[in-house]
Amino acid sequence: MASTRVGRRVKTATQESLLLRLQDIDDAKAWDRFHETYGPFIYNFACKRGCNNHVAQDVLQETLITFSRIMPEFSYDPMRGSFRSLLMTVVKSRVADAFRREKKQAMGTGNAPLDTDVVEAEDPWLSNWEHDWNREWEQHLLLEGLKRVKNKVKPHVLESFRRYVLEGQRAEDVAAALGIPEANIYNQKRRVLTLLQKEIAVVREERGE
């Protein structure tokens, strides 16, 4: 059991280091890194839950504000749950706040409180939340992994992978378009997949999983 705990702490060292740095509100570089790492994901997820551009930006900013408030007293323990779950909880609350504000304005009730159970029962954006969050998170990891693989292979190799694997084009069509033997398409697929799996594993560690 002890060795397992040590292993998990090693895997989450990068994420834990960032979270520890975020406890210092004045550590601008740490907060910039947090925003760079999670900002696009939070914004895009809010949009996919039905927020327009303005509201999604508000969700992002309010999520950052929430973390700035809780981080000074925050104690990260990966044994109690992943950072993914913590981030999901905060973003869900901020999206819920945004929709409640929109509903209040539409109902003309000003700042009158709404019944949470009624909101959750009526708002379809709450359905399948965790499933959709995890799906988008995996997409987030994939895109980050691809970004890193891009720096390790030649452009035509990544282009071959994009067309054949990501877009589902036929191997013979990709080979003809790129002017390379069809066998190369399969070899390049295996090469990129191997690199991609390694990079995604690294990203998972950095994200505290």
N, C-alpha and C. Protein backbone atom coordinates (compact mmCIF):
# COMPACT_ATOMS: atom_id res chain seq x y z
N MET A 1 0.83 -1.21 0.00
CA MET A 1 0.00 0.00 0.00
C MET A 1 0.86 1.25 0.00
N ALA A 2 1.96 1.22 0.79
CA ALA A 2 2.83 2.38 0.87
C ALA A 2 3.44 2.70 -0.48
N SER A 3 3.89 1.66 -1.21
CA SER A 3 4.51 1.89 -2.51
C SER A 3 3.51 2.48 -3.50
N THR A 4 2.23 2.06 -3.40
CA THR A 4 1.20 2.60 -4.28
C THR A 4 1.00 4.08 -4.03
N ARG A 5 0.98 4.46 -2.76
CA ARG A 5 0.80 5.87 -2.43
C ARG A 5 1.97 6.71 -2.92
N VAL A 6 3.18 6.17 -2.76
CA VAL A 6 4.35 6.90 -3.24
C VAL A 6 4.28 7.08 -4.74
N GLY A 7 3.87 6.01 -5.44
CA GLY A 7 3.76 6.08 -6.89
C GLY A 7 2.77 7.13 -7.33
N ARG A 8 1.63 7.21 -6.65
CA ARG A 8 0.61 8.18 -7.02
C ARG A 8 1.09 9.59 -6.73
N ARG A 9 1.86 9.77 -5.66
CA ARG A 9 2.36 11.10 -5.35
C ARG A 9 3.39 11.54 -6.39
N VAL A 10 4.20 10.60 -6.88
CA VAL A 10 5.15 10.93 -7.93
C VAL A 10 4.42 11.34 -9.19
N LYS A 11 3.36 10.61 -9.54
CA LYS A 11 2.59 10.89 -10.75
C LYS A 11 1.95 12.27 -10.70
N THR A 12 1.55 12.72 -9.50
CA THR A 12 0.84 13.98 -9.39
C THR A 12 1.75 15.12 -8.96
N ALA A 13 3.06 14.90 -8.99
CA ALA A 13 3.99 15.91 -8.49
C ALA A 13 3.87 17.23 -9.24
N THR A 14 3.75 17.17 -10.57
CA THR A 14 3.67 18.40 -11.36
C THR A 14 2.42 19.19 -11.02
N GLN A 15 1.27 18.50 -10.99
CA GLN A 15 0.02 19.17 -10.67
C GLN A 15 0.04 19.70 -9.25
N GLU A 16 0.55 18.89 -8.32
CA GLU A 16 0.60 19.32 -6.92
C GLU A 16 1.47 20.55 -6.78
N SER A 17 2.58 20.59 -7.52
CA SER A 17 3.47 21.74 -7.48
C SER A 17 2.75 23.00 -7.94
N LEU A 18 1.97 22.89 -9.03
CA LEU A 18 1.23 24.04 -9.53
C LEU A 18 0.20 24.50 -8.50
N LEU A 19 -0.53 23.55 -7.92
CA LEU A 19 -1.56 23.92 -6.95
C LEU A 19 -0.95 24.56 -5.71
N LEU A 20 0.21 24.09 -5.31
CA LEU A 20 0.89 24.71 -4.17
C LEU A 20 1.29 26.15 -4.51
N ARG A 21 1.75 26.35 -5.72
CA ARG A 21 2.14 27.70 -6.13
C ARG A 21 0.92 28.62 -6.21
N LEU A 22 -0.23 28.06 -6.56
CA LEU A 22 -1.44 28.87 -6.67
C LEU A 22 -1.92 29.36 -5.31
N GLN A 23 -1.40 28.78 -4.25
CA GLN A 23 -1.75 29.26 -2.91
C GLN A 23 -1.20 30.65 -2.67
N ASP A 24 -0.22 31.03 -3.48
CA ASP A 24 0.31 32.38 -3.44
C ASP A 24 -0.41 33.20 -4.51
N ILE A 25 -1.33 34.04 -4.09
CA ILE A 25 -2.13 34.83 -5.03
C ILE A 25 -1.26 35.73 -5.90
N ASP A 26 -0.08 36.08 -5.41
CA ASP A 26 0.80 36.99 -6.14
C ASP A 26 1.73 36.27 -7.11
N ASP A 27 1.63 34.95 -7.20
CA ASP A 27 2.47 34.20 -8.13
C ASP A 27 1.85 34.28 -9.53
N ALA A 28 2.16 35.36 -10.23
CA ALA A 28 1.53 35.62 -11.53
C ALA A 28 1.81 34.52 -12.55
N LYS A 29 3.02 33.98 -12.53
CA LYS A 29 3.38 32.95 -13.50
C LYS A 29 2.54 31.69 -13.30
N ALA A 30 2.30 31.33 -12.04
CA ALA A 30 1.49 30.15 -11.76
C ALA A 30 0.05 30.35 -12.22
N TRP A 31 -0.49 31.54 -11.98
CA TRP A 31 -1.87 31.81 -12.40
C TRP A 31 -1.98 31.91 -13.91
N ASP A 32 -0.94 32.44 -14.55
CA ASP A 32 -0.93 32.47 -16.02
C ASP A 32 -0.93 31.05 -16.57
N ARG A 33 -0.15 30.19 -15.94
CA ARG A 33 -0.09 28.80 -16.39
C ARG A 33 -1.43 28.10 -16.18
N PHE A 34 -2.06 28.37 -15.05
CA PHE A 34 -3.37 27.78 -14.77
C PHE A 34 -4.38 28.22 -15.84
N HIS A 35 -4.37 29.51 -16.15
CA HIS A 35 -5.29 30.05 -17.16
C HIS A 35 -4.99 29.46 -18.53
N GLU A 36 -3.72 29.37 -18.88
CA GLU A 36 -3.32 28.83 -20.18
C GLU A 36 -3.70 27.35 -20.31
N THR A 37 -3.56 26.61 -19.20
CA THR A 37 -3.82 25.18 -19.22
C THR A 37 -5.30 24.86 -19.25
N TYR A 38 -6.08 25.55 -18.42
CA TYR A 38 -7.49 25.18 -18.25
C TYR A 38 -8.48 26.18 -18.83
N GLY A 39 -8.03 27.41 -19.11
CA GLY A 39 -8.95 28.43 -19.59
C GLY A 39 -9.72 28.04 -20.84
N PRO A 40 -9.03 27.62 -21.92
CA PRO A 40 -9.75 27.25 -23.15
C PRO A 40 -10.73 26.10 -22.92
N PHE A 41 -10.33 25.14 -22.09
CA PHE A 41 -11.22 24.00 -21.81
C PHE A 41 -12.48 24.45 -21.09
N ILE A 42 -12.33 25.30 -20.07
CA ILE A 42 -13.49 25.79 -19.31
C ILE A 42 -14.42 26.59 -20.22
N TYR A 43 -13.84 27.48 -21.02
CA TYR A 43 -14.64 28.32 -21.92
C TYR A 43 -15.40 27.46 -22.93
N ASN A 44 -14.70 26.54 -23.58
CA ASN A 44 -15.33 25.70 -24.60
C ASN A 44 -16.42 24.81 -24.01
N PHE A 45 -16.17 24.30 -22.80
CA PHE A 45 -17.18 23.45 -22.18
C PHE A 45 -18.43 24.25 -21.84
N ALA A 46 -18.23 25.46 -21.33
CA ALA A 46 -19.38 26.32 -21.01
C ALA A 46 -20.20 26.60 -22.27
N CYS A 47 -19.52 26.84 -23.38
CA CYS A 47 -20.23 27.09 -24.64
C CYS A 47 -21.05 25.86 -25.05
N LYS A 48 -20.47 24.69 -24.88
CA LYS A 48 -21.17 23.47 -25.28
C LYS A 48 -22.34 23.15 -24.35
N ARG A 49 -22.34 23.76 -23.16
CA ARG A 49 -23.48 23.57 -22.26
C ARG A 49 -24.56 24.61 -22.52
N GLY A 50 -24.37 25.44 -23.53
CA GLY A 50 -25.42 26.38 -23.91
C GLY A 50 -25.13 27.84 -23.61
N CYS A 51 -23.95 28.14 -23.07
CA CYS A 51 -23.60 29.53 -22.77
C CYS A 51 -23.17 30.24 -24.06
N ASN A 52 -23.59 31.49 -24.22
CA ASN A 52 -23.08 32.26 -25.34
C ASN A 52 -21.67 32.76 -25.00
N ASN A 53 -21.05 33.47 -25.93
CA ASN A 53 -19.67 33.90 -25.74
C ASN A 53 -19.50 34.73 -24.47
N HIS A 54 -20.41 35.68 -24.26
CA HIS A 54 -20.31 36.57 -23.10
C HIS A 54 -20.45 35.79 -21.80
N VAL A 55 -21.44 34.91 -21.73
CA VAL A 55 -21.68 34.14 -20.51
C VAL A 55 -20.53 33.16 -20.26
N ALA A 56 -20.02 32.55 -21.33
CA ALA A 56 -18.90 31.60 -21.18
C ALA A 56 -17.67 32.31 -20.65
N GLN A 57 -17.44 33.54 -21.10
CA GLN A 57 -16.32 34.32 -20.58
C GLN A 57 -16.52 34.62 -19.09
N ASP A 58 -17.77 34.91 -18.72
CA ASP A 58 -18.08 35.14 -17.31
C ASP A 58 -17.82 33.89 -16.48
N VAL A 59 -18.22 32.74 -17.01
CA VAL A 59 -18.01 31.47 -16.31
C VAL A 59 -16.51 31.25 -16.08
N LEU A 60 -15.72 31.52 -17.11
CA LEU A 60 -14.27 31.35 -17.00
C LEU A 60 -13.70 32.28 -15.93
N GLN A 61 -14.07 33.56 -15.99
CA GLN A 61 -13.53 34.52 -15.04
C GLN A 61 -13.98 34.20 -13.61
N GLU A 62 -15.22 33.80 -13.45
CA GLU A 62 -15.72 33.49 -12.12
C GLU A 62 -15.10 32.21 -11.57
N THR A 63 -14.76 31.28 -12.47
CA THR A 63 -14.05 30.07 -12.03
C THR A 63 -12.67 30.44 -11.50
N LEU A 64 -11.99 31.32 -12.22
CA LEU A 64 -10.67 31.77 -11.78
C LEU A 64 -10.76 32.51 -10.45
N ILE A 65 -11.79 33.33 -10.31
CA ILE A 65 -11.99 34.07 -9.05
C ILE A 65 -12.24 33.09 -7.90
N THR A 66 -13.06 32.07 -8.17
CA THR A 66 -13.35 31.07 -7.13
C THR A 66 -12.07 30.39 -6.67
N PHE A 67 -11.23 30.00 -7.63
CA PHE A 67 -9.97 29.35 -7.26
C PHE A 67 -9.05 30.30 -6.51
N SER A 68 -9.07 31.57 -6.88
CA SER A 68 -8.21 32.53 -6.17
C SER A 68 -8.65 32.69 -4.72
N ARG A 69 -9.93 32.44 -4.45
CA ARG A 69 -10.45 32.55 -3.09
C ARG A 69 -10.16 31.31 -2.25
N ILE A 70 -10.23 30.13 -2.90
CA ILE A 70 -10.09 28.90 -2.12
C ILE A 70 -8.65 28.41 -2.02
N MET A 71 -7.79 28.83 -2.96
CA MET A 71 -6.45 28.27 -3.00
C MET A 71 -5.58 28.59 -1.77
N PRO A 72 -5.66 29.79 -1.18
CA PRO A 72 -4.80 30.06 -0.02
C PRO A 72 -4.98 29.07 1.13
N GLU A 73 -6.18 28.51 1.27
CA GLU A 73 -6.45 27.55 2.34
C GLU A 73 -6.61 26.13 1.82
N PHE A 74 -6.29 25.93 0.54
CA PHE A 74 -6.55 24.64 -0.10
C PHE A 74 -5.45 23.64 0.20
N SER A 75 -5.86 22.40 0.45
CA SER A 75 -4.91 21.31 0.67
C SER A 75 -5.24 20.20 -0.31
N TYR A 76 -4.39 20.01 -1.31
CA TYR A 76 -4.66 19.02 -2.35
C TYR A 76 -4.22 17.63 -1.92
N ASP A 77 -5.17 16.71 -1.93
CA ASP A 77 -4.88 15.32 -1.58
C ASP A 77 -5.40 14.43 -2.70
N PRO A 78 -4.53 13.98 -3.62
CA PRO A 78 -4.97 13.16 -4.75
C PRO A 78 -5.61 11.85 -4.33
N MET A 79 -5.36 11.41 -3.09
CA MET A 79 -5.98 10.18 -2.61
C MET A 79 -7.48 10.36 -2.40
N ARG A 80 -7.93 11.61 -2.26
CA ARG A 80 -9.34 11.88 -2.00
C ARG A 80 -10.11 12.22 -3.28
N GLY A 81 -9.41 12.34 -4.39
CA GLY A 81 -10.10 12.64 -5.63
C GLY A 81 -9.18 13.38 -6.59
N SER A 82 -9.51 13.32 -7.87
CA SER A 82 -8.67 13.94 -8.89
C SER A 82 -8.97 15.43 -9.00
N PHE A 83 -8.02 16.15 -9.58
CA PHE A 83 -8.23 17.57 -9.82
C PHE A 83 -9.35 17.77 -10.84
N ARG A 84 -9.50 16.80 -11.74
CA ARG A 84 -10.59 16.86 -12.72
C ARG A 84 -11.94 17.02 -12.02
N SER A 85 -12.15 16.27 -10.95
CA SER A 85 -13.42 16.32 -10.21
C SER A 85 -13.61 17.65 -9.52
N LEU A 86 -12.52 18.16 -8.93
CA LEU A 86 -12.60 19.46 -8.27
C LEU A 86 -12.95 20.55 -9.27
N LEU A 87 -12.28 20.55 -10.40
CA LEU A 87 -12.54 21.56 -11.42
C LEU A 87 -13.97 21.45 -11.93
N MET A 88 -14.44 20.22 -12.12
CA MET A 88 -15.81 20.01 -12.59
C MET A 88 -16.82 20.61 -11.61
N THR A 89 -16.60 20.39 -10.32
CA THR A 89 -17.52 20.91 -9.31
C THR A 89 -17.60 22.43 -9.35
N VAL A 90 -16.44 23.07 -9.47
CA VAL A 90 -16.41 24.54 -9.50
C VAL A 90 -17.07 25.07 -10.77
N VAL A 91 -16.73 24.50 -11.92
CA VAL A 91 -17.29 24.98 -13.19
C VAL A 91 -18.80 24.76 -13.23
N LYS A 92 -19.24 23.62 -12.72
CA LYS A 92 -20.68 23.34 -12.71
C LYS A 92 -21.42 24.40 -11.89
N SER A 93 -20.85 24.77 -10.76
CA SER A 93 -21.48 25.80 -9.92
C SER A 93 -21.53 27.14 -10.64
N ARG A 94 -20.45 27.48 -11.34
CA ARG A 94 -20.41 28.77 -12.03
C ARG A 94 -21.37 28.79 -13.22
N VAL A 95 -21.48 27.68 -13.94
CA VAL A 95 -22.44 27.61 -15.05
C VAL A 95 -23.86 27.69 -14.50
N ALA A 96 -24.11 27.00 -13.39
CA ALA A 96 -25.44 27.04 -12.76
C ALA A 96 -25.78 28.47 -12.36
N ASP A 97 -24.81 29.18 -11.79
CA ASP A 97 -25.04 30.57 -11.41
C ASP A 97 -25.42 31.41 -12.63
N ALA A 98 -24.71 31.17 -13.73
CA ALA A 98 -24.96 31.95 -14.95
C ALA A 98 -26.37 31.71 -15.47
N PHE A 99 -26.80 30.46 -15.48
CA PHE A 99 -28.14 30.15 -15.97
C PHE A 99 -29.22 30.68 -15.03
N ARG A 100 -28.94 30.65 -13.74
CA ARG A 100 -29.92 31.19 -12.79
C ARG A 100 -30.08 32.70 -12.99
N ARG A 101 -28.97 33.38 -13.24
CA ARG A 101 -29.06 34.82 -13.50
C ARG A 101 -29.88 35.09 -14.75
N GLU A 102 -29.62 34.28 -15.79
CA GLU A 102 -30.37 34.45 -17.03
C GLU A 102 -31.86 34.21 -16.80
N LYS A 103 -32.17 33.19 -16.01
CA LYS A 103 -33.58 32.86 -15.76
C LYS A 103 -34.25 33.95 -14.93
N LYS A 104 -33.53 34.49 -13.95
CA LYS A 104 -34.09 35.56 -13.13
C LYS A 104 -34.42 36.78 -13.98
N GLN A 105 -33.50 37.11 -14.88
CA GLN A 105 -33.72 38.27 -15.73
C GLN A 105 -34.92 38.03 -16.64
N ALA A 106 -35.03 36.80 -17.16
CA ALA A 106 -36.14 36.49 -18.05
C ALA A 106 -37.48 36.52 -17.32
N MET A 107 -37.45 36.12 -16.05
CA MET A 107 -38.69 36.09 -15.26
C MET A 107 -39.00 37.44 -14.64
N GLY A 108 -38.03 38.37 -14.72
CA GLY A 108 -38.26 39.68 -14.16
C GLY A 108 -38.36 39.68 -12.66
N THR A 109 -37.61 38.76 -12.01
CA THR A 109 -37.71 38.65 -10.55
C THR A 109 -36.54 39.31 -9.84
N GLY A 110 -35.70 40.02 -10.56
CA GLY A 110 -34.58 40.70 -9.91
C GLY A 110 -33.66 39.73 -9.23
N ASN A 111 -33.41 39.96 -7.94
CA ASN A 111 -32.50 39.10 -7.18
C ASN A 111 -33.23 38.06 -6.35
N ALA A 112 -34.49 37.85 -6.62
CA ALA A 112 -35.24 36.86 -5.84
C ALA A 112 -34.64 35.48 -6.05
N PRO A 113 -34.45 34.71 -4.98
CA PRO A 113 -33.83 33.39 -5.10
C PRO A 113 -34.72 32.41 -5.83
N LEU A 114 -34.09 31.50 -6.56
CA LEU A 114 -34.82 30.44 -7.24
C LEU A 114 -34.63 29.13 -6.49
N ASP A 115 -35.61 28.28 -6.58
CA ASP A 115 -35.50 26.97 -5.95
C ASP A 115 -34.55 26.11 -6.77
N THR A 116 -33.46 25.63 -6.14
CA THR A 116 -32.43 24.87 -6.86
C THR A 116 -33.00 23.62 -7.50
N ASP A 117 -33.89 22.91 -6.79
CA ASP A 117 -34.45 21.68 -7.33
C ASP A 117 -35.26 21.95 -8.59
N VAL A 118 -35.98 23.07 -8.59
CA VAL A 118 -36.77 23.42 -9.77
C VAL A 118 -35.86 23.73 -10.94
N VAL A 119 -34.79 24.48 -10.67
CA VAL A 119 -33.84 24.82 -11.73
C VAL A 119 -33.25 23.56 -12.34
N GLU A 120 -32.82 22.63 -11.48
CA GLU A 120 -32.19 21.42 -11.98
C GLU A 120 -33.18 20.54 -12.72
N ALA A 121 -34.44 20.57 -12.33
CA ALA A 121 -35.44 19.74 -12.99
C ALA A 121 -35.80 20.30 -14.36
N GLU A 122 -35.74 21.63 -14.50
CA GLU A 122 -36.20 22.25 -15.73
C GLU A 122 -35.09 22.49 -16.75
N ASP A 123 -33.86 22.58 -16.31
CA ASP A 123 -32.78 22.95 -17.21
C ASP A 123 -32.11 21.73 -17.83
N PRO A 124 -32.26 21.53 -19.14
CA PRO A 124 -31.67 20.36 -19.79
C PRO A 124 -30.15 20.39 -19.81
N TRP A 125 -29.55 21.59 -19.61
CA TRP A 125 -28.09 21.67 -19.64
C TRP A 125 -27.45 20.88 -18.51
N LEU A 126 -28.23 20.53 -17.47
CA LEU A 126 -27.69 19.78 -16.35
C LEU A 126 -27.64 18.28 -16.62
N SER A 127 -28.38 17.81 -17.63
CA SER A 127 -28.44 16.38 -17.89
C SER A 127 -27.10 15.88 -18.44
N ASN A 128 -26.73 14.69 -18.01
CA ASN A 128 -25.49 14.04 -18.49
C ASN A 128 -24.26 14.89 -18.25
N TRP A 129 -24.28 15.71 -17.21
CA TRP A 129 -23.17 16.64 -16.97
C TRP A 129 -21.84 15.91 -16.82
N GLU A 130 -21.78 14.94 -15.91
CA GLU A 130 -20.50 14.27 -15.64
C GLU A 130 -20.02 13.50 -16.85
N HIS A 131 -20.95 12.85 -17.55
CA HIS A 131 -20.58 12.11 -18.76
C HIS A 131 -19.97 13.04 -19.80
N ASP A 132 -20.63 14.18 -20.03
CA ASP A 132 -20.15 15.13 -21.03
C ASP A 132 -18.83 15.76 -20.59
N TRP A 133 -18.71 16.04 -19.29
CA TRP A 133 -17.47 16.63 -18.78
C TRP A 133 -16.30 15.68 -19.02
N ASN A 134 -16.48 14.41 -18.68
CA ASN A 134 -15.40 13.44 -18.86
C ASN A 134 -15.06 13.25 -20.33
N ARG A 135 -16.07 13.29 -21.19
CA ARG A 135 -15.82 13.17 -22.63
C ARG A 135 -15.00 14.35 -23.13
N GLU A 136 -15.38 15.55 -22.72
CA GLU A 136 -14.65 16.74 -23.16
C GLU A 136 -13.26 16.78 -22.55
N TRP A 137 -13.13 16.26 -21.34
CA TRP A 137 -11.81 16.22 -20.70
C TRP A 137 -10.87 15.31 -21.49
N GLU A 138 -11.37 14.16 -21.93
CA GLU A 138 -10.55 13.26 -22.73
C GLU A 138 -10.16 13.92 -24.05
N GLN A 139 -11.08 14.69 -24.62
CA GLN A 139 -10.76 15.42 -25.84
C GLN A 139 -9.69 16.47 -25.56
N HIS A 140 -9.79 17.10 -24.41
CA HIS A 140 -8.80 18.08 -23.97
C HIS A 140 -7.42 17.44 -23.88
N LEU A 141 -7.34 16.24 -23.31
CA LEU A 141 -6.07 15.53 -23.20
C LEU A 141 -5.54 15.14 -24.58
N LEU A 142 -6.45 14.71 -25.45
CA LEU A 142 -6.05 14.32 -26.80
C LEU A 142 -5.45 15.49 -27.56
N LEU A 143 -6.10 16.65 -27.50
CA LEU A 143 -5.61 17.82 -28.21
C LEU A 143 -4.25 18.28 -27.66
N GLU A 144 -4.10 18.21 -26.35
CA GLU A 144 -2.82 18.59 -25.76
C GLU A 144 -1.74 17.59 -26.16
N GLY A 145 -2.10 16.31 -26.19
CA GLY A 145 -1.14 15.30 -26.63
C GLY A 145 -0.72 15.51 -28.07
N LEU A 146 -1.68 15.81 -28.94
CA LEU A 146 -1.38 16.07 -30.35
C LEU A 146 -0.48 17.29 -30.51
N LYS A 147 -0.72 18.29 -29.69
CA LYS A 147 0.10 19.50 -29.75
C LYS A 147 1.56 19.17 -29.46
N ARG A 148 1.77 18.27 -28.52
CA ARG A 148 3.14 17.90 -28.15
C ARG A 148 3.77 16.97 -29.18
N VAL A 149 2.96 16.08 -29.74
CA VAL A 149 3.47 15.18 -30.77
C VAL A 149 3.88 15.98 -32.00
N LYS A 150 3.18 17.06 -32.26
CA LYS A 150 3.46 17.90 -33.42
C LYS A 150 4.92 18.34 -33.45
N ASN A 151 5.50 18.52 -32.27
CA ASN A 151 6.89 18.97 -32.19
C ASN A 151 7.89 17.83 -32.34
N LYS A 152 7.39 16.59 -32.49
CA LYS A 152 8.28 15.44 -32.54
C LYS A 152 8.24 14.68 -33.86
N VAL A 153 7.35 15.07 -34.75
CA VAL A 153 7.26 14.40 -36.05
C VAL A 153 7.24 15.44 -37.16
N LYS A 154 7.53 15.00 -38.36
CA LYS A 154 7.50 15.91 -39.50
C LYS A 154 6.05 16.25 -39.86
N PRO A 155 5.84 17.42 -40.44
CA PRO A 155 4.47 17.86 -40.75
C PRO A 155 3.68 16.87 -41.59
N HIS A 156 4.33 16.23 -42.58
CA HIS A 156 3.57 15.33 -43.45
C HIS A 156 3.13 14.06 -42.70
N VAL A 157 3.88 13.69 -41.67
CA VAL A 157 3.50 12.52 -40.86
C VAL A 157 2.24 12.84 -40.06
N LEU A 158 2.22 14.01 -39.46
CA LEU A 158 1.05 14.41 -38.68
C LEU A 158 -0.16 14.63 -39.59
N GLU A 159 0.09 15.15 -40.78
CA GLU A 159 -1.00 15.37 -41.73
C GLU A 159 -1.60 14.04 -42.17
N SER A 160 -0.74 13.06 -42.39
CA SER A 160 -1.21 11.72 -42.74
C SER A 160 -2.08 11.15 -41.62
N PHE A 161 -1.64 11.31 -40.38
CA PHE A 161 -2.39 10.82 -39.22
C PHE A 161 -3.73 11.54 -39.09
N ARG A 162 -3.70 12.84 -39.28
CA ARG A 162 -4.93 13.64 -39.16
C ARG A 162 -5.97 13.17 -40.17
N ARG A 163 -5.55 13.00 -41.41
CA ARG A 163 -6.50 12.62 -42.45
C ARG A 163 -7.02 11.19 -42.27
N TYR A 164 -6.09 10.28 -41.99
CA TYR A 164 -6.46 8.87 -41.95
C TYR A 164 -7.16 8.49 -40.65
N VAL A 165 -6.64 8.95 -39.51
CA VAL A 165 -7.18 8.54 -38.21
C VAL A 165 -8.26 9.49 -37.71
N LEU A 166 -7.97 10.78 -37.70
CA LEU A 166 -8.90 11.73 -37.11
C LEU A 166 -10.09 12.04 -38.02
N GLU A 167 -9.83 12.11 -39.33
CA GLU A 167 -10.91 12.43 -40.25
C GLU A 167 -11.54 11.21 -40.90
N GLY A 168 -10.87 10.06 -40.80
CA GLY A 168 -11.43 8.82 -41.32
C GLY A 168 -11.37 8.67 -42.82
N GLN A 169 -10.44 9.39 -43.46
CA GLN A 169 -10.28 9.23 -44.91
C GLN A 169 -9.67 7.86 -45.22
N ARG A 170 -9.92 7.36 -46.41
CA ARG A 170 -9.36 6.08 -46.81
C ARG A 170 -7.86 6.20 -47.00
N ALA A 171 -7.14 5.13 -46.65
CA ALA A 171 -5.68 5.15 -46.73
C ALA A 171 -5.21 5.44 -48.14
N GLU A 172 -5.86 4.83 -49.14
CA GLU A 172 -5.43 5.04 -50.52
C GLU A 172 -5.63 6.49 -50.96
N ASP A 173 -6.69 7.13 -50.44
CA ASP A 173 -6.94 8.52 -50.79
C ASP A 173 -5.91 9.44 -50.14
N VAL A 174 -5.57 9.14 -48.90
CA VAL A 174 -4.56 9.95 -48.20
C VAL A 174 -3.21 9.80 -48.88
N ALA A 175 -2.88 8.57 -49.24
CA ALA A 175 -1.60 8.32 -49.91
C ALA A 175 -1.52 9.08 -51.23
N ALA A 176 -2.61 9.07 -51.98
CA ALA A 176 -2.63 9.77 -53.27
C ALA A 176 -2.51 11.28 -53.07
N ALA A 177 -3.20 11.80 -52.06
CA ALA A 177 -3.18 13.24 -51.82
C ALA A 177 -1.81 13.72 -51.37
N LEU A 178 -1.12 12.89 -50.60
CA LEU A 178 0.19 13.28 -50.07
C LEU A 178 1.35 12.80 -50.93
N GLY A 179 1.03 11.97 -51.93
CA GLY A 179 2.07 11.49 -52.83
C GLY A 179 3.05 10.53 -52.19
N ILE A 180 2.54 9.64 -51.32
CA ILE A 180 3.40 8.68 -50.64
C ILE A 180 2.79 7.29 -50.77
N PRO A 181 3.60 6.22 -50.59
CA PRO A 181 3.06 4.86 -50.67
C PRO A 181 2.00 4.63 -49.58
N GLU A 182 1.02 3.81 -49.91
CA GLU A 182 -0.05 3.54 -48.95
C GLU A 182 0.48 2.89 -47.67
N ALA A 183 1.52 2.07 -47.81
CA ALA A 183 2.10 1.41 -46.63
C ALA A 183 2.60 2.43 -45.62
N ASN A 184 3.05 3.58 -46.11
CA ASN A 184 3.54 4.62 -45.20
C ASN A 184 2.44 5.14 -44.29
N ILE A 185 1.22 5.14 -44.80
CA ILE A 185 0.09 5.64 -44.01
C ILE A 185 -0.07 4.81 -42.74
N TYR A 186 0.02 3.49 -42.89
CA TYR A 186 -0.13 2.60 -41.74
C TYR A 186 1.05 2.72 -40.78
N ASN A 187 2.25 2.83 -41.34
CA ASN A 187 3.44 2.97 -40.50
C ASN A 187 3.41 4.28 -39.71
N GLN A 188 2.98 5.34 -40.37
CA GLN A 188 2.92 6.64 -39.71
C GLN A 188 1.83 6.66 -38.64
N LYS A 189 0.75 5.94 -38.90
CA LYS A 189 -0.31 5.84 -37.90
C LYS A 189 0.23 5.19 -36.63
N ARG A 190 0.93 4.07 -36.78
CA ARG A 190 1.48 3.38 -35.61
C ARG A 190 2.47 4.25 -34.86
N ARG A 191 3.29 4.96 -35.61
CA ARG A 191 4.30 5.81 -34.98
C ARG A 191 3.66 6.93 -34.17
N VAL A 192 2.69 7.61 -34.78
CA VAL A 192 2.05 8.73 -34.09
C VAL A 192 1.24 8.24 -32.90
N LEU A 193 0.54 7.12 -33.05
CA LEU A 193 -0.25 6.58 -31.94
C LEU A 193 0.64 6.24 -30.75
N THR A 194 1.81 5.67 -31.02
CA THR A 194 2.73 5.33 -29.94
C THR A 194 3.18 6.59 -29.20
N LEU A 195 3.56 7.61 -29.97
CA LEU A 195 3.97 8.87 -29.36
C LEU A 195 2.81 9.53 -28.62
N LEU A 196 1.63 9.47 -29.24
CA LEU A 196 0.46 10.13 -28.66
C LEU A 196 0.08 9.50 -27.33
N GLN A 197 0.11 8.18 -27.25
CA GLN A 197 -0.22 7.50 -26.01
C GLN A 197 0.74 7.90 -24.89
N LYS A 198 2.01 8.03 -25.23
CA LYS A 198 3.00 8.44 -24.23
C LYS A 198 2.76 9.87 -23.77
N GLU A 199 2.47 10.75 -24.72
CA GLU A 199 2.26 12.15 -24.37
C GLU A 199 0.99 12.34 -23.55
N ILE A 200 -0.07 11.61 -23.90
CA ILE A 200 -1.31 11.72 -23.13
C ILE A 200 -1.10 11.22 -21.71
N ALA A 201 -0.28 10.18 -21.55
CA ALA A 201 0.02 9.67 -20.21
C ALA A 201 0.73 10.74 -19.39
N VAL A 202 1.64 11.47 -20.03
CA VAL A 202 2.35 12.56 -19.34
C VAL A 202 1.37 13.67 -18.96
N VAL A 203 0.48 14.01 -19.89
CA VAL A 203 -0.50 15.06 -19.63
C VAL A 203 -1.40 14.67 -18.46
N ARG A 204 -1.80 13.40 -18.42
CA ARG A 204 -2.64 12.93 -17.31
C ARG A 204 -1.93 13.14 -15.98
N GLU A 205 -0.65 12.83 -15.94
CA GLU A 205 0.12 13.02 -14.71
C GLU A 205 0.15 14.50 -14.33
N GLU A 206 0.36 15.34 -15.34
CA GLU A 206 0.42 16.77 -15.07
C GLU A 206 -0.93 17.33 -14.62
N ARG A 207 -2.01 16.66 -15.02
CA ARG A 207 -3.34 17.12 -14.64
C ARG A 207 -3.81 16.48 -13.33
N GLY A 208 -2.94 15.73 -12.68
CA GLY A 208 -3.27 15.17 -11.38
C GLY A 208 -4.11 13.92 -11.44
N GLU A 209 -3.92 13.08 -12.47
CA GLU A 209 -4.69 11.84 -12.57
C GLU A 209 -3.79 10.63 -12.35
